[in-house]
Amino acid sequence: MNTDTNLMQNIDALWNTTEAMLVGHGEGFDEPIDRDQAVDEDGKAIYKSYTLSLDLGGEYFDPRIIAIRFSAEDMEAYARNW
């Protein structure tokens, strides 16, 4: 598996920002989760994909949000290496 270093760095930056929200995506549902709910004790992803997002504020019609969506494989690589 070839994991993009920039993606891992971006995940790491938001992962370590306590205001950022982590959402796990499954079959037909999205669920806000705590960081320790992303992978199981063996480092396997619990959800099919994930989104880390940070609301930077902004106007009602012009919100500023940073969001990174990534796969279960990316989550497993992050848990192993970062």
N, C-alpha and C. Protein backbone atom coordinates (compact mmCIF):
# COMPACT_ATOMS: atom_id res chain seq x y z
N MET A 1 0.85 -1.17 0.00
CA MET A 1 0.00 0.00 0.00
C MET A 1 0.90 1.24 0.00
N ASN A 2 0.61 2.16 -0.89
CA ASN A 2 1.36 3.41 -0.99
C ASN A 2 0.54 4.52 -0.35
N THR A 3 0.92 4.93 0.85
CA THR A 3 0.18 5.95 1.57
C THR A 3 0.82 7.31 1.33
N ASP A 4 -0.01 8.28 0.99
CA ASP A 4 0.44 9.63 0.71
C ASP A 4 0.88 10.32 2.00
N THR A 5 2.14 10.74 2.06
CA THR A 5 2.69 11.40 3.25
C THR A 5 1.97 12.69 3.55
N ASN A 6 1.60 13.46 2.51
CA ASN A 6 0.88 14.71 2.74
C ASN A 6 -0.48 14.45 3.39
N LEU A 7 -1.16 13.41 2.94
CA LEU A 7 -2.45 13.06 3.55
C LEU A 7 -2.25 12.71 5.01
N MET A 8 -1.23 11.90 5.32
CA MET A 8 -0.98 11.53 6.71
C MET A 8 -0.65 12.76 7.57
N GLN A 9 0.11 13.69 7.01
CA GLN A 9 0.43 14.91 7.75
C GLN A 9 -0.82 15.75 7.99
N ASN A 10 -1.69 15.83 7.00
CA ASN A 10 -2.94 16.59 7.15
C ASN A 10 -3.85 15.92 8.17
N ILE A 11 -3.96 14.60 8.12
CA ILE A 11 -4.75 13.89 9.12
C ILE A 11 -4.17 14.16 10.50
N ASP A 12 -2.86 14.07 10.63
CA ASP A 12 -2.21 14.27 11.91
C ASP A 12 -2.47 15.67 12.47
N ALA A 13 -2.42 16.68 11.61
CA ALA A 13 -2.66 18.06 12.06
C ALA A 13 -4.06 18.21 12.64
N LEU A 14 -5.06 17.67 11.96
CA LEU A 14 -6.43 17.78 12.49
C LEU A 14 -6.67 16.81 13.64
N TRP A 15 -6.06 15.64 13.59
CA TRP A 15 -6.21 14.66 14.66
C TRP A 15 -5.80 15.26 16.00
N ASN A 16 -4.75 16.05 15.97
CA ASN A 16 -4.21 16.64 17.19
C ASN A 16 -4.81 18.00 17.52
N THR A 17 -5.83 18.40 16.79
CA THR A 17 -6.57 19.63 17.08
C THR A 17 -7.86 19.22 17.79
N THR A 18 -7.95 19.53 19.07
CA THR A 18 -9.07 19.02 19.88
C THR A 18 -10.43 19.52 19.39
N GLU A 19 -10.46 20.65 18.69
CA GLU A 19 -11.73 21.18 18.20
C GLU A 19 -12.22 20.46 16.95
N ALA A 20 -11.36 19.71 16.30
CA ALA A 20 -11.74 19.00 15.07
C ALA A 20 -12.64 17.82 15.42
N MET A 21 -13.65 17.61 14.58
CA MET A 21 -14.60 16.51 14.79
C MET A 21 -14.24 15.34 13.88
N LEU A 22 -14.31 14.14 14.44
CA LEU A 22 -14.08 12.91 13.69
C LEU A 22 -15.42 12.23 13.48
N VAL A 23 -15.70 11.86 12.24
CA VAL A 23 -16.93 11.17 11.89
C VAL A 23 -16.56 9.86 11.20
N GLY A 24 -17.19 8.77 11.66
CA GLY A 24 -17.04 7.48 11.01
C GLY A 24 -18.21 7.26 10.07
N HIS A 25 -17.92 6.77 8.86
CA HIS A 25 -18.95 6.52 7.85
C HIS A 25 -19.09 5.02 7.63
N GLY A 26 -20.33 4.55 7.67
CA GLY A 26 -20.61 3.15 7.42
C GLY A 26 -21.62 3.01 6.29
N GLU A 27 -22.24 1.87 6.20
CA GLU A 27 -23.27 1.62 5.18
C GLU A 27 -24.53 2.39 5.55
N GLY A 28 -24.72 3.55 4.95
CA GLY A 28 -25.94 4.33 5.15
C GLY A 28 -25.99 5.14 6.42
N PHE A 29 -24.88 5.35 7.09
CA PHE A 29 -24.90 6.17 8.30
C PHE A 29 -23.57 6.89 8.49
N ASP A 30 -23.65 7.99 9.20
CA ASP A 30 -22.48 8.77 9.61
C ASP A 30 -22.60 8.98 11.11
N GLU A 31 -21.50 8.80 11.83
CA GLU A 31 -21.55 8.85 13.28
C GLU A 31 -20.35 9.61 13.85
N PRO A 32 -20.60 10.71 14.59
CA PRO A 32 -19.48 11.36 15.27
C PRO A 32 -18.88 10.39 16.28
N ILE A 33 -17.55 10.28 16.29
CA ILE A 33 -16.90 9.33 17.19
C ILE A 33 -15.72 9.99 17.88
N ASP A 34 -15.29 9.39 18.98
CA ASP A 34 -14.07 9.81 19.67
C ASP A 34 -12.88 9.20 18.95
N ARG A 35 -11.72 9.78 19.14
CA ARG A 35 -10.51 9.31 18.46
C ARG A 35 -10.22 7.84 18.76
N ASP A 36 -10.51 7.40 19.98
CA ASP A 36 -10.21 6.01 20.35
C ASP A 36 -11.22 5.01 19.79
N GLN A 37 -12.22 5.48 19.05
CA GLN A 37 -13.21 4.60 18.43
C GLN A 37 -12.95 4.39 16.94
N ALA A 38 -11.82 4.88 16.43
CA ALA A 38 -11.54 4.80 15.00
C ALA A 38 -11.05 3.43 14.56
N VAL A 39 -10.23 2.80 15.40
CA VAL A 39 -9.71 1.46 15.10
C VAL A 39 -9.91 0.57 16.32
N ASP A 40 -9.92 -0.74 16.08
CA ASP A 40 -10.04 -1.67 17.20
C ASP A 40 -8.69 -1.91 17.85
N GLU A 41 -8.63 -2.79 18.83
CA GLU A 41 -7.38 -3.04 19.56
C GLU A 41 -6.28 -3.65 18.69
N ASP A 42 -6.65 -4.19 17.52
CA ASP A 42 -5.67 -4.74 16.59
C ASP A 42 -5.26 -3.74 15.51
N GLY A 43 -5.77 -2.51 15.61
CA GLY A 43 -5.44 -1.49 14.63
C GLY A 43 -6.25 -1.55 13.35
N LYS A 44 -7.33 -2.33 13.35
CA LYS A 44 -8.21 -2.43 12.18
C LYS A 44 -9.28 -1.35 12.25
N ALA A 45 -9.54 -0.72 11.11
CA ALA A 45 -10.56 0.33 11.03
C ALA A 45 -11.93 -0.23 11.38
N ILE A 46 -12.68 0.53 12.13
CA ILE A 46 -14.03 0.11 12.53
C ILE A 46 -15.05 0.57 11.49
N TYR A 47 -14.79 1.67 10.81
CA TYR A 47 -15.72 2.23 9.83
C TYR A 47 -15.14 2.11 8.43
N LYS A 48 -15.99 2.28 7.41
CA LYS A 48 -15.57 2.17 6.01
C LYS A 48 -14.74 3.37 5.57
N SER A 49 -15.05 4.54 6.12
CA SER A 49 -14.27 5.75 5.83
C SER A 49 -14.47 6.73 6.98
N TYR A 50 -13.71 7.81 6.93
CA TYR A 50 -13.69 8.78 8.03
C TYR A 50 -13.61 10.19 7.47
N THR A 51 -14.09 11.15 8.25
CA THR A 51 -13.90 12.56 7.94
C THR A 51 -13.46 13.27 9.21
N LEU A 52 -12.40 14.03 9.08
CA LEU A 52 -11.97 14.94 10.14
C LEU A 52 -12.30 16.33 9.64
N SER A 53 -12.99 17.13 10.46
CA SER A 53 -13.33 18.48 10.02
C SER A 53 -13.15 19.47 11.15
N LEU A 54 -12.84 20.69 10.75
CA LEU A 54 -12.64 21.78 11.69
C LEU A 54 -13.36 23.00 11.16
N ASP A 55 -14.28 23.53 11.96
CA ASP A 55 -15.03 24.73 11.60
C ASP A 55 -14.20 25.94 11.95
N LEU A 56 -13.85 26.74 10.93
CA LEU A 56 -13.03 27.92 11.14
C LEU A 56 -13.88 29.18 11.34
N GLY A 57 -15.18 29.00 11.37
CA GLY A 57 -16.07 30.15 11.51
C GLY A 57 -16.46 30.68 10.15
N GLY A 58 -16.72 31.96 10.10
CA GLY A 58 -17.12 32.57 8.84
C GLY A 58 -18.57 32.99 8.89
N GLU A 59 -19.02 33.53 7.79
CA GLU A 59 -20.39 34.02 7.68
C GLU A 59 -21.36 32.87 7.47
N TYR A 60 -22.64 33.14 7.75
CA TYR A 60 -23.68 32.12 7.60
C TYR A 60 -23.69 31.54 6.18
N PHE A 61 -23.60 32.42 5.19
CA PHE A 61 -23.63 31.96 3.81
C PHE A 61 -22.26 31.60 3.26
N ASP A 62 -21.22 31.81 4.05
CA ASP A 62 -19.86 31.54 3.61
C ASP A 62 -19.04 30.90 4.74
N PRO A 63 -19.47 29.70 5.19
CA PRO A 63 -18.72 29.07 6.28
C PRO A 63 -17.34 28.63 5.80
N ARG A 64 -16.39 28.64 6.70
CA ARG A 64 -15.04 28.18 6.38
C ARG A 64 -14.78 26.91 7.18
N ILE A 65 -14.66 25.80 6.48
CA ILE A 65 -14.48 24.50 7.11
C ILE A 65 -13.34 23.77 6.41
N ILE A 66 -12.45 23.20 7.20
CA ILE A 66 -11.43 22.30 6.66
C ILE A 66 -11.97 20.88 6.87
N ALA A 67 -11.99 20.09 5.83
CA ALA A 67 -12.48 18.71 5.96
C ALA A 67 -11.58 17.78 5.15
N ILE A 68 -11.23 16.67 5.78
CA ILE A 68 -10.42 15.65 5.12
C ILE A 68 -11.19 14.34 5.22
N ARG A 69 -11.56 13.78 4.08
CA ARG A 69 -12.20 12.47 4.06
C ARG A 69 -11.15 11.45 3.64
N PHE A 70 -11.10 10.33 4.36
CA PHE A 70 -10.10 9.32 4.05
C PHE A 70 -10.66 7.93 4.31
N SER A 71 -9.99 6.95 3.74
CA SER A 71 -10.47 5.56 3.73
C SER A 71 -10.11 4.81 5.01
N ALA A 72 -10.69 3.64 5.14
CA ALA A 72 -10.36 2.75 6.26
C ALA A 72 -8.88 2.37 6.20
N GLU A 73 -8.37 2.14 5.01
CA GLU A 73 -6.96 1.79 4.85
C GLU A 73 -6.05 2.93 5.31
N ASP A 74 -6.44 4.17 4.99
CA ASP A 74 -5.68 5.32 5.44
C ASP A 74 -5.71 5.42 6.96
N MET A 75 -6.86 5.12 7.56
CA MET A 75 -6.98 5.18 9.03
C MET A 75 -6.06 4.14 9.66
N GLU A 76 -6.03 2.95 9.09
CA GLU A 76 -5.16 1.90 9.62
C GLU A 76 -3.68 2.29 9.49
N ALA A 77 -3.32 2.88 8.36
CA ALA A 77 -1.93 3.33 8.17
C ALA A 77 -1.59 4.43 9.17
N TYR A 78 -2.51 5.33 9.39
CA TYR A 78 -2.27 6.41 10.37
C TYR A 78 -2.09 5.81 11.77
N ALA A 79 -2.94 4.88 12.12
CA ALA A 79 -2.85 4.25 13.46
C ALA A 79 -1.53 3.51 13.64
N ARG A 80 -1.02 2.88 12.58
CA ARG A 80 0.24 2.14 12.66
C ARG A 80 1.46 3.04 12.73
N ASN A 81 1.46 4.09 11.94
CA ASN A 81 2.68 4.84 11.70
C ASN A 81 2.76 6.23 12.31
N TRP A 82 1.67 6.76 12.77
CA TRP A 82 1.68 8.13 13.24
C TRP A 82 1.32 8.11 14.70
